[in-house]
Amino acid sequence: MLSRDLSDSVRVTDGPHVWGSMALDTSSGLVRGVAVGADENDALARALQMGLTKAAGILPAERPDEVLCAPELQAQIIEILPSLIPGDRLPPVRAIQPPAEVEDIFDSFVGHLSGREQPTKPPNPSDWTLLYRRAFDFYRAAPWTRWDDGIVLALETSIDHTDGGLAAVVMGNAGIQYGLVLYPGGHIPVGLDDWHPGLPVPMLPGTLSLMLDPPSDLPSDIRAKAFRYGWPPDAELVPAVLRLDPGGGSDPGEADAQLLTVALAAVTAHDSRGPVAVGSARRATNGEIVLGNGRAATFSIEQRPPTPAPDVPHFRVHQVGSDLVPQGAQVVLGHLPWASVAALRAAARIQRPFPPGAPRPAGTEVPLLAILPKPKKGESIAARVAELDPYGVTAVRTDEGPEVFVLAGSHGAQLLMEVPANSPSMSDFRRRMRATKGLHVVMVADEATSRGEGTIYGLFECHQPLPKGPRQSDKRRSGNPSKRRK
């Protein structure tokens, strides 16, 4: 016998409380009786009566040898049984902790009442255990601090046979909804980028989602399942797993749970390397995991380049932003010996290598532009730099005299700082850029890294080809520079 308060999952007109109860046959797993009621006693009594008087499939109605239930139900069932079974020989009522399979059957009943379609072959307990374990690894890694929902990760697995593979999208960079979505066919639905509230959501059949929400925002059956399979009860966010189709949501089947498990493992492994530049020789992450049924599954995942619009030249124009570096953060120019770059690569949370086709390292020092954020801002700034897919920094001379440093990339450009054109730091930076043939490094790190402490949030190795012709410092400038100094 099982019983739950379903008030937050099922709504009944003029009924503030809804209880559900279920009688299961322990030898077959068949449902003997099920009932809902305004109070627990009523629901339990009707489910017990149905189990005693109605056949269940090939099982005839019969008196049970024993009634098993959770400890908190034992007294109620002992009180109800005499009114349903005549005579003095009542079956014993034994308190046990209901097995996971039994609770899953009740979950399916609650999901059906809630309007979620139920799979013909649901996940077994080993599938759920591994899915929640991989989901917790994903949650602890917080990949949304480094990826946003505009980046598509192309995923191929040995257990998915859809044409085109899967498109995996990490949710949460905007701080609204955290999780992971898998789109079959290897691309996001047409029209999803233009969707806004009030319009039907364009959804491909078989889309899978794992969304992380505050526990209080989830129905109790979804919350309880996560806790039952090892999710920490004190976690700030709890996962909800759904299969999404154009007609609505449904609970995942066995194949869905296994595919989402592999995807979570793949995204977490790929994220641990940091966003890698599209086109890099090291762009794909490959791996293998063992599923709950003992079957091995392989995966290969990589960042997909944005698809250019048809018949549009690849000449890109970006409005330069000015919100990458928040108030209070510092931007500094410097340099590193080449030998230090390898150590920084290993220490960086996000590391993007020099692009393919870049010249070989030259000179004794590599130019460095470092963004030194305030506490707790480093990961988000590094994620935004990774989203730009930076080509590198360039100095643009303004009419007023100072030079403005701009970080330019394939997905945008950002103003970083102003430097007096005739400052020694500018002369040194240009000299080192010439010596390295345009190779330089953009780093997002704590100021304490200069003392061997702190965190390196992002290390982006860039190549900015040098302009041909006279150097800026060689060009004559109009006006008297001394009159513009203050």
Protein backbone atom coordinates (compact mmCIF):
# COMPACT_ATOMS: atom_id res chain seq x y z
CA MET A 1 0.00 0.00 0.00
CA LEU A 2 1.19 3.47 -0.98
CA SER A 3 -0.25 6.88 -0.24
CA ARG A 4 0.79 10.46 -1.04
CA ASP A 5 -0.46 14.00 -0.80
CA LEU A 6 -0.91 15.03 -4.46
CA SER A 7 -2.17 18.56 -3.82
CA ASP A 8 0.75 20.27 -5.58
CA SER A 9 0.57 17.92 -8.59
CA VAL A 10 -3.16 17.40 -9.15
CA ARG A 11 -5.89 20.03 -8.97
CA VAL A 12 -9.54 19.25 -8.26
CA THR A 13 -12.24 21.92 -8.52
CA ASP A 14 -13.25 23.16 -5.06
CA GLY A 15 -10.84 20.67 -3.48
CA PRO A 16 -7.84 22.18 -1.71
CA HIS A 17 -6.34 18.75 -0.88
CA VAL A 18 -5.96 15.65 -3.01
CA TRP A 19 -4.64 12.34 -1.72
CA GLY A 20 -3.75 9.34 -3.85
CA SER A 21 -3.45 5.73 -2.71
CA MET A 22 -2.45 2.56 -4.52
CA ALA A 23 -2.55 -1.18 -3.83
CA LEU A 24 0.13 -3.20 -5.66
CA ASP A 25 0.55 -6.94 -6.03
CA THR A 26 4.11 -7.65 -4.83
CA SER A 27 4.61 -10.79 -6.92
CA SER A 28 3.66 -9.25 -10.30
CA GLY A 29 3.85 -5.47 -9.85
CA LEU A 30 0.28 -5.14 -11.15
CA VAL A 31 -1.89 -2.39 -9.70
CA ARG A 32 -4.65 -4.03 -7.63
CA GLY A 33 -6.41 -0.82 -6.70
CA VAL A 34 -6.01 2.94 -6.99
CA ALA A 35 -8.04 5.84 -5.66
CA VAL A 36 -7.92 9.57 -5.00
CA GLY A 37 -9.76 11.38 -2.27
CA ALA A 38 -10.03 14.58 -0.27
CA ASP A 39 -8.31 12.95 2.71
CA GLU A 40 -5.84 10.12 3.12
CA ASN A 41 -8.12 7.74 5.03
CA ASP A 42 -10.76 7.88 2.30
CA ALA A 43 -8.22 7.28 -0.49
CA LEU A 44 -6.60 4.38 1.39
CA ALA A 45 -9.95 2.71 2.16
CA ARG A 46 -11.13 2.86 -1.44
CA ALA A 47 -7.81 1.61 -2.87
CA LEU A 48 -7.83 -1.29 -0.38
CA GLN A 49 -11.43 -2.15 -1.19
CA MET A 50 -10.70 -2.17 -4.93
CA GLY A 51 -7.71 -4.41 -4.34
CA LEU A 52 -9.85 -6.87 -2.39
CA THR A 53 -12.85 -6.99 -4.72
CA LYS A 54 -11.63 -6.46 -8.31
CA ALA A 55 -9.44 -8.58 -10.57
CA ALA A 56 -6.16 -7.13 -11.83
CA GLY A 57 -5.34 -8.50 -15.28
CA ILE A 58 -5.07 -12.28 -14.93
CA LEU A 59 -5.09 -12.02 -11.12
CA PRO A 60 -8.48 -12.71 -9.51
CA ALA A 61 -9.74 -10.74 -6.55
CA GLU A 62 -8.50 -12.40 -3.38
CA ARG A 63 -7.65 -11.88 0.24
CA PRO A 64 -3.98 -10.88 0.72
CA ASP A 65 -1.62 -13.04 2.77
CA GLU A 66 0.06 -9.88 4.08
CA VAL A 67 -0.19 -6.10 3.67
CA LEU A 68 3.05 -4.18 3.33
CA CYS A 69 3.26 -0.41 3.78
CA ALA A 70 5.47 2.45 4.86
CA PRO A 71 5.73 2.82 8.66
CA GLU A 72 3.63 6.00 8.71
CA LEU A 73 0.67 4.13 7.13
CA GLN A 74 0.66 1.06 9.36
CA ALA A 75 -1.72 2.34 12.05
CA GLN A 76 -4.23 3.69 9.50
CA ILE A 77 -4.36 0.45 7.52
CA ILE A 78 -4.77 -1.67 10.68
CA GLU A 79 -7.76 0.54 11.56
CA ILE A 80 -9.32 0.34 8.07
CA LEU A 81 -8.97 -3.41 7.41
CA PRO A 82 -11.72 -4.70 9.83
CA SER A 83 -14.37 -2.73 7.92
CA LEU A 84 -13.30 -4.35 4.62
CA ILE A 85 -12.52 -7.97 5.60
CA PRO A 86 -15.17 -9.80 7.71
CA GLY A 87 -14.12 -12.14 10.47
CA ASP A 88 -11.31 -12.19 12.97
CA ARG A 89 -8.53 -13.52 10.72
CA LEU A 90 -7.14 -10.29 9.31
CA PRO A 91 -3.91 -10.32 7.27
CA PRO A 92 -0.92 -8.98 9.16
CA VAL A 93 0.20 -5.44 8.33
CA ARG A 94 3.99 -5.10 8.11
CA ALA A 95 5.89 -1.84 7.92
CA ILE A 96 8.71 -1.68 5.31
CA GLN A 97 10.52 0.94 3.29
CA PRO A 98 8.87 0.71 -0.15
CA PRO A 99 11.35 -0.42 -2.84
CA ALA A 100 12.37 2.06 -5.53
CA GLU A 101 10.48 0.11 -8.22
CA VAL A 102 7.27 0.46 -6.21
CA GLU A 103 7.72 4.20 -5.76
CA ASP A 104 8.41 4.53 -9.51
CA ILE A 105 5.07 2.88 -10.31
CA PHE A 106 3.33 5.39 -8.07
CA ASP A 107 5.29 8.20 -9.79
CA SER A 108 3.88 7.01 -13.12
CA PHE A 109 0.35 7.18 -11.69
CA VAL A 110 0.93 10.71 -10.41
CA GLY A 111 2.46 11.75 -13.74
CA HIS A 112 -0.62 10.41 -15.55
CA LEU A 113 -2.94 12.38 -13.25
CA SER A 114 -0.78 15.48 -13.81
CA GLY A 115 -1.24 15.23 -17.59
CA ARG A 116 2.18 13.85 -18.51
CA GLU A 117 2.11 10.99 -21.02
CA GLN A 118 3.72 7.84 -19.66
CA PRO A 119 6.33 5.72 -21.52
CA THR A 120 5.62 2.11 -22.41
CA LYS A 121 9.07 1.12 -21.09
CA PRO A 122 10.03 3.33 -18.14
CA PRO A 123 13.58 3.60 -16.77
CA ASN A 124 14.57 1.05 -14.14
CA PRO A 125 16.13 2.09 -10.80
CA SER A 126 19.70 1.64 -12.09
CA ASP A 127 18.91 4.03 -14.97
CA TRP A 128 17.53 6.65 -12.58
CA THR A 129 20.46 6.27 -10.18
CA LEU A 130 23.05 6.89 -12.90
CA LEU A 131 21.03 9.72 -14.48
CA TYR A 132 20.83 11.65 -11.21
CA ARG A 133 24.51 11.00 -10.48
CA ARG A 134 25.53 12.45 -13.85
CA ALA A 135 23.07 15.31 -13.40
CA PHE A 136 24.68 16.18 -10.07
CA ASP A 137 28.13 16.24 -11.72
CA PHE A 138 26.69 18.65 -14.30
CA TYR A 139 25.11 20.78 -11.55
CA ARG A 140 28.35 21.01 -9.54
CA ALA A 141 30.35 21.93 -12.65
CA ALA A 142 27.92 24.81 -13.43
CA PRO A 143 28.79 24.84 -17.17
CA TRP A 144 26.37 27.74 -17.76
CA THR A 145 29.05 30.06 -16.35
CA ARG A 146 31.14 29.26 -19.44
CA TRP A 147 28.55 28.46 -22.15
CA ASP A 148 25.35 30.21 -23.15
CA ASP A 149 22.22 29.03 -24.95
CA GLY A 150 23.45 30.53 -28.23
CA ILE A 151 26.22 27.91 -28.46
CA VAL A 152 25.27 24.56 -29.99
CA LEU A 153 27.27 21.48 -29.01
CA ALA A 154 27.13 18.72 -31.63
CA LEU A 155 26.78 15.35 -29.88
CA GLU A 156 27.01 11.86 -31.32
CA THR A 157 26.55 8.73 -29.21
CA SER A 158 26.59 5.01 -29.86
CA ILE A 159 23.06 4.63 -28.44
CA ASP A 160 21.35 7.32 -30.55
CA HIS A 161 20.45 6.48 -34.14
CA THR A 162 18.68 9.66 -35.26
CA ASP A 163 19.95 11.23 -38.47
CA GLY A 164 22.22 14.20 -37.77
CA GLY A 165 22.98 13.30 -34.16
CA LEU A 166 21.93 15.64 -31.36
CA ALA A 167 22.26 19.34 -30.63
CA ALA A 168 23.03 19.94 -26.94
CA VAL A 169 22.39 23.40 -25.49
CA VAL A 170 23.43 24.44 -21.97
CA MET A 171 20.87 26.71 -20.29
CA GLY A 172 21.49 29.20 -17.49
CA ASN A 173 24.05 31.79 -18.61
CA ALA A 174 21.38 34.51 -18.30
CA GLY A 175 20.60 33.35 -14.75
CA ILE A 176 16.95 32.50 -15.55
CA GLN A 177 16.62 28.76 -16.26
CA TYR A 178 19.43 26.27 -15.69
CA GLY A 179 19.74 22.91 -17.38
CA LEU A 180 20.46 20.99 -20.58
CA VAL A 181 18.30 20.48 -23.69
CA LEU A 182 18.88 17.83 -26.38
CA TYR A 183 17.39 18.45 -29.82
CA PRO A 184 17.26 15.47 -32.21
CA GLY A 185 18.52 15.93 -35.74
CA GLY A 186 21.58 17.94 -34.68
CA HIS A 187 20.04 21.42 -34.85
CA ILE A 188 17.74 23.62 -32.80
CA PRO A 189 14.15 24.02 -34.08
CA VAL A 190 13.51 26.61 -36.76
CA GLY A 191 11.92 29.68 -35.19
CA LEU A 192 13.15 29.03 -31.65
CA ASP A 193 15.44 32.08 -31.73
CA ASP A 194 12.47 34.30 -32.60
CA TRP A 195 10.10 32.80 -30.02
CA HIS A 196 8.51 35.02 -27.39
CA PRO A 197 5.84 34.37 -24.72
CA GLY A 198 2.39 33.92 -26.18
CA LEU A 199 3.53 31.98 -29.25
CA PRO A 200 3.54 28.16 -29.46
CA VAL A 201 7.01 26.78 -28.76
CA PRO A 202 8.50 25.18 -31.89
CA MET A 203 9.54 21.77 -30.59
CA LEU A 204 11.00 18.78 -32.41
CA PRO A 205 9.51 15.38 -31.44
CA GLY A 206 11.79 13.58 -29.02
CA THR A 207 13.43 16.66 -27.51
CA LEU A 208 14.82 15.86 -24.04
CA SER A 209 15.33 18.34 -21.23
CA LEU A 210 16.80 18.33 -17.76
CA MET A 211 15.88 21.58 -16.01
CA LEU A 212 17.22 22.62 -12.61
CA ASP A 213 14.74 24.53 -10.43
CA PRO A 214 14.36 25.51 -6.78
CA PRO A 215 12.74 22.60 -4.88
CA SER A 216 9.72 24.71 -3.96
CA ASP A 217 8.94 25.26 -7.67
CA LEU A 218 8.66 21.53 -8.45
CA PRO A 219 5.80 19.08 -7.83
CA SER A 220 6.46 16.83 -4.87
CA ASP A 221 6.65 13.64 -6.97
CA ILE A 222 9.48 15.02 -9.14
CA ARG A 223 11.27 16.42 -6.10
CA ALA A 224 10.89 13.18 -4.12
CA LYS A 225 12.19 11.03 -6.98
CA ALA A 226 15.39 13.07 -7.15
CA PHE A 227 15.94 12.77 -3.39
CA ARG A 228 15.13 9.06 -3.49
CA TYR A 229 17.88 8.47 -6.05
CA GLY A 230 20.59 10.36 -4.18
CA TRP A 231 20.08 14.06 -4.93
CA PRO A 232 21.17 16.06 -1.83
CA PRO A 233 18.06 17.38 -0.03
CA ASP A 234 19.87 20.63 0.82
CA ALA A 235 20.77 21.44 -2.82
CA GLU A 236 19.58 24.83 -4.03
CA LEU A 237 18.34 23.38 -7.34
CA VAL A 238 16.67 20.05 -8.15
CA PRO A 239 16.37 18.43 -11.61
CA ALA A 240 13.16 17.73 -13.52
CA VAL A 241 13.46 15.42 -16.54
CA LEU A 242 10.98 15.59 -19.43
CA ARG A 243 10.57 14.39 -22.97
CA LEU A 244 9.15 17.28 -25.00
CA ASP A 245 6.96 16.85 -28.08
CA PRO A 246 4.78 19.29 -30.03
CA GLY A 247 1.73 18.01 -28.12
CA GLY A 248 3.24 18.54 -24.67
CA GLY A 249 5.54 16.95 -22.13
CA SER A 250 5.87 13.35 -21.05
CA ASP A 251 7.93 11.42 -18.56
CA PRO A 252 11.11 9.89 -20.06
CA GLY A 253 11.36 6.27 -21.11
CA GLU A 254 14.31 3.97 -20.58
CA ALA A 255 16.05 5.00 -23.84
CA ASP A 256 15.46 8.69 -23.04
CA ALA A 257 17.02 8.40 -19.58
CA GLN A 258 20.06 6.56 -20.93
CA LEU A 259 20.59 9.08 -23.74
CA LEU A 260 20.32 12.02 -21.35
CA THR A 261 22.80 10.31 -19.01
CA VAL A 262 25.37 10.02 -21.81
CA ALA A 263 24.74 13.64 -22.86
CA LEU A 264 25.27 14.94 -19.32
CA ALA A 265 28.54 13.01 -19.08
CA ALA A 266 29.65 14.33 -22.49
CA VAL A 267 28.83 17.99 -21.76
CA THR A 268 30.50 17.84 -18.34
CA ALA A 269 33.65 16.30 -19.85
CA HIS A 270 33.74 18.85 -22.67
CA ASP A 271 33.13 21.74 -20.27
CA SER A 272 36.04 20.63 -18.09
CA ARG A 273 38.32 21.55 -21.01
CA GLY A 274 36.76 25.00 -21.44
CA PRO A 275 35.24 26.40 -24.65
CA VAL A 276 37.68 25.43 -27.41
CA ALA A 277 37.92 27.53 -30.55
CA VAL A 278 35.87 26.25 -33.47
CA GLY A 279 38.27 24.79 -36.00
CA SER A 280 40.88 23.84 -33.41
CA ALA A 281 42.54 20.49 -33.95
CA ARG A 282 41.55 19.58 -30.38
CA ARG A 283 37.92 20.60 -30.67
CA ALA A 284 36.19 17.21 -30.07
CA THR A 285 35.88 15.49 -26.70
CA ASN A 286 35.46 11.70 -26.83
CA GLY A 287 34.60 9.31 -24.03
CA GLU A 288 32.77 6.23 -22.82
CA ILE A 289 30.51 5.49 -19.87
CA VAL A 290 28.81 2.34 -18.57
CA LEU A 291 25.03 2.59 -18.32
CA GLY A 292 22.85 1.22 -15.55
CA ASN A 293 22.21 -2.02 -17.47
CA GLY A 294 25.96 -2.64 -17.84
CA ARG A 295 26.02 -1.60 -21.49
CA ALA A 296 28.89 0.67 -22.59
CA ALA A 297 28.04 3.85 -24.50
CA THR A 298 30.50 6.12 -26.33
CA PHE A 299 30.17 9.82 -27.13
CA SER A 300 31.84 12.52 -29.21
CA ILE A 301 31.00 16.18 -28.61
CA GLU A 302 32.26 19.46 -30.08
CA GLN A 303 31.24 23.08 -30.40
CA ARG A 304 29.43 23.73 -33.65
CA PRO A 305 30.30 26.85 -35.68
CA PRO A 306 27.40 29.24 -36.28
CA THR A 307 25.59 28.61 -39.54
CA PRO A 308 25.96 31.63 -41.86
CA ALA A 309 22.80 32.99 -43.41
CA PRO A 310 22.40 31.92 -47.06
CA ASP A 311 23.52 34.34 -49.77
CA VAL A 312 25.05 36.69 -47.19
CA PRO A 313 28.71 37.69 -47.59
CA HIS A 314 30.97 36.67 -44.72
CA PHE A 315 31.85 40.29 -44.05
CA ARG A 316 30.73 40.99 -40.50
CA VAL A 317 29.98 44.30 -38.85
CA HIS A 318 29.60 44.47 -35.06
CA GLN A 319 28.51 47.35 -32.93
CA VAL A 320 31.26 47.63 -30.34
CA GLY A 321 29.99 47.02 -26.81
CA SER A 322 31.32 48.59 -23.65
CA ASP A 323 29.87 46.34 -20.94
CA LEU A 324 32.38 43.48 -20.85
CA VAL A 325 34.53 45.00 -18.12
CA PRO A 326 32.34 45.97 -15.13
CA GLN A 327 32.92 48.99 -12.94
CA GLY A 328 35.85 48.39 -10.62
CA ALA A 329 37.65 45.82 -12.77
CA GLN A 330 41.10 46.63 -14.13
CA VAL A 331 42.58 46.11 -17.59
CA VAL A 332 46.37 46.09 -17.83
CA LEU A 333 49.00 45.63 -20.53
CA GLY A 334 51.99 43.44 -19.88
CA HIS A 335 54.03 40.54 -21.21
CA LEU A 336 55.05 36.98 -20.36
CA PRO A 337 58.02 34.81 -21.22
CA TRP A 338 56.89 32.07 -23.60
CA ALA A 339 57.82 29.43 -21.03
CA SER A 340 55.10 30.75 -18.70
CA VAL A 341 52.30 30.22 -21.20
CA ALA A 342 52.30 26.42 -20.80
CA ALA A 343 51.85 26.72 -17.01
CA LEU A 344 49.01 29.21 -17.45
CA ARG A 345 47.28 26.88 -19.92
CA ALA A 346 47.25 24.10 -17.34
CA ALA A 347 45.93 26.38 -14.60
CA ALA A 348 43.19 28.15 -16.62
CA ARG A 349 39.58 27.11 -16.14
CA ILE A 350 38.90 28.08 -19.77
CA GLN A 351 41.75 27.72 -22.25
CA ARG A 352 41.51 28.55 -25.96
CA PRO A 353 44.65 27.67 -27.99
CA PHE A 354 46.15 29.72 -30.80
CA PRO A 355 44.00 29.38 -33.93
CA PRO A 356 44.98 27.04 -36.77
CA GLY A 357 47.34 28.72 -39.22
CA ALA A 358 48.83 31.10 -36.65
CA PRO A 359 52.60 31.69 -36.96
CA ARG A 360 55.01 29.78 -34.76
CA PRO A 361 55.97 31.48 -31.47
CA ALA A 362 58.64 34.14 -32.05
CA GLY A 363 60.42 36.67 -29.91
CA THR A 364 61.31 36.21 -26.25
CA GLU A 365 58.09 37.59 -24.76
CA VAL A 366 54.41 37.28 -25.61
CA PRO A 367 52.23 40.43 -25.27
CA LEU A 368 49.56 40.13 -22.61
CA LEU A 369 46.31 41.99 -21.99
CA ALA A 370 44.89 41.03 -18.60
CA ILE A 371 41.38 41.70 -17.29
CA LEU A 372 41.43 41.66 -13.47
CA PRO A 373 37.84 41.34 -12.25
CA LYS A 374 36.32 42.01 -8.87
CA PRO A 375 35.51 38.93 -6.73
CA LYS A 376 32.87 36.54 -8.15
CA LYS A 377 32.92 38.20 -11.59
CA GLY A 378 35.79 36.27 -13.17
CA GLU A 379 33.87 33.25 -14.48
CA SER A 380 31.13 35.31 -16.13
CA ILE A 381 33.66 37.66 -17.82
CA ALA A 382 35.70 34.70 -19.10
CA ALA A 383 32.52 33.08 -20.43
CA ARG A 384 31.65 36.25 -22.33
CA VAL A 385 35.13 36.47 -23.82
CA ALA A 386 34.82 32.82 -24.92
CA GLU A 387 31.46 33.64 -26.50
CA LEU A 388 33.12 36.38 -28.59
CA ASP A 389 35.53 33.74 -30.00
CA PRO A 390 38.18 36.47 -29.99
CA TYR A 391 40.56 37.13 -32.84
CA GLY A 392 42.53 39.39 -30.49
CA VAL A 393 43.02 42.94 -29.34
CA THR A 394 43.73 45.94 -31.50
CA ALA A 395 44.42 49.57 -30.66
CA VAL A 396 42.36 52.18 -32.51
CA ARG A 397 43.58 55.77 -32.45
CA THR A 398 40.84 58.32 -31.80
CA ASP A 399 40.65 61.87 -33.12
CA GLU A 400 41.23 63.15 -29.58
CA GLY A 401 44.58 61.41 -29.30
CA PRO A 402 44.21 58.38 -26.93
CA GLU A 403 44.19 54.89 -28.34
CA VAL A 404 41.25 52.64 -27.55
CA PHE A 405 41.85 48.92 -27.04
CA VAL A 406 39.16 46.78 -28.66
CA LEU A 407 38.72 43.04 -28.22
CA ALA A 408 37.33 41.77 -31.54
CA GLY A 409 35.98 38.31 -32.31
CA SER A 410 33.80 36.37 -34.70
CA HIS A 411 30.73 37.10 -32.57
CA GLY A 412 31.25 40.71 -31.53
CA ALA A 413 33.62 43.36 -30.25
CA GLN A 414 34.14 45.07 -26.89
CA LEU A 415 35.88 48.25 -25.74
CA LEU A 416 38.42 47.54 -23.02
CA MET A 417 40.34 50.71 -22.11
CA GLU A 418 41.97 53.93 -23.32
CA VAL A 419 45.76 54.44 -23.32
CA PRO A 420 47.67 57.61 -24.22
CA ALA A 421 49.08 57.09 -27.70
CA ASN A 422 52.58 58.20 -26.72
CA SER A 423 52.80 56.16 -23.50
CA PRO A 424 55.71 53.73 -23.01
CA SER A 425 53.25 50.87 -22.49
CA MET A 426 51.84 51.38 -25.99
CA SER A 427 55.32 51.46 -27.51
CA ASP A 428 56.28 48.25 -25.67
CA PHE A 429 53.03 46.51 -26.67
CA ARG A 430 53.52 47.34 -30.36
CA ARG A 431 57.16 46.28 -30.26
CA ARG A 432 56.30 42.91 -28.76
CA MET A 433 53.39 42.39 -31.21
CA ARG A 434 55.81 42.94 -34.09
CA ALA A 435 58.30 40.51 -32.58
CA THR A 436 55.65 37.76 -32.18
CA LYS A 437 54.06 38.46 -35.61
CA GLY A 438 50.76 39.32 -33.96
CA LEU A 439 50.61 36.49 -31.40
CA HIS A 440 49.36 37.63 -27.99
CA VAL A 441 47.38 36.46 -24.98
CA VAL A 442 44.17 37.75 -23.40
CA MET A 443 43.76 36.60 -19.80
CA VAL A 444 40.96 36.94 -17.25
CA ALA A 445 42.40 36.33 -13.78
CA ASP A 446 42.51 37.47 -10.17
CA GLU A 447 45.04 40.18 -9.43
CA ALA A 448 46.70 37.77 -6.97
CA THR A 449 47.92 35.61 -9.87
CA SER A 450 50.85 38.03 -10.20
CA ARG A 451 51.99 36.62 -6.83
CA GLY A 452 51.35 33.00 -7.75
CA GLU A 453 47.93 32.94 -6.06
CA GLY A 454 44.33 33.41 -7.20
CA THR A 455 42.43 31.90 -10.14
CA ILE A 456 42.94 32.13 -13.88
CA TYR A 457 39.39 32.11 -15.25
CA GLY A 458 40.26 32.27 -18.93
CA LEU A 459 43.35 32.19 -21.15
CA PHE A 460 42.73 33.05 -24.81
CA GLU A 461 45.64 32.72 -27.22
CA CYS A 462 45.08 35.09 -30.13
CA HIS A 463 46.59 36.07 -33.44
CA GLN A 464 46.00 39.54 -34.84
CA PRO A 465 47.79 39.87 -38.22
CA LEU A 466 49.76 43.09 -38.32
CA PRO A 467 48.73 45.76 -40.82
CA LYS A 468 50.94 46.17 -43.86
CA GLY A 469 52.62 49.50 -44.62
CA PRO A 470 54.05 52.11 -42.25
CA ARG A 471 53.59 51.44 -38.53
CA GLN A 472 51.26 53.72 -36.62
CA SER A 473 54.15 55.05 -34.61
CA ASP A 474 55.91 55.97 -37.90
CA LYS A 475 53.02 58.00 -39.27
CA ARG A 476 53.01 61.76 -38.96
CA ARG A 477 50.26 63.15 -36.81
CA SER A 478 48.54 66.45 -37.43
CA GLY A 479 48.58 69.12 -34.76
CA ASN A 480 50.87 69.61 -31.85
CA PRO A 481 50.68 66.64 -29.46
CA SER A 482 51.93 68.69 -26.54
CA LYS A 483 48.85 70.89 -26.72
CA ARG A 484 46.60 67.89 -26.22
CA ARG A 485 48.28 66.72 -23.02
CA LYS A 486 46.71 67.58 -19.72
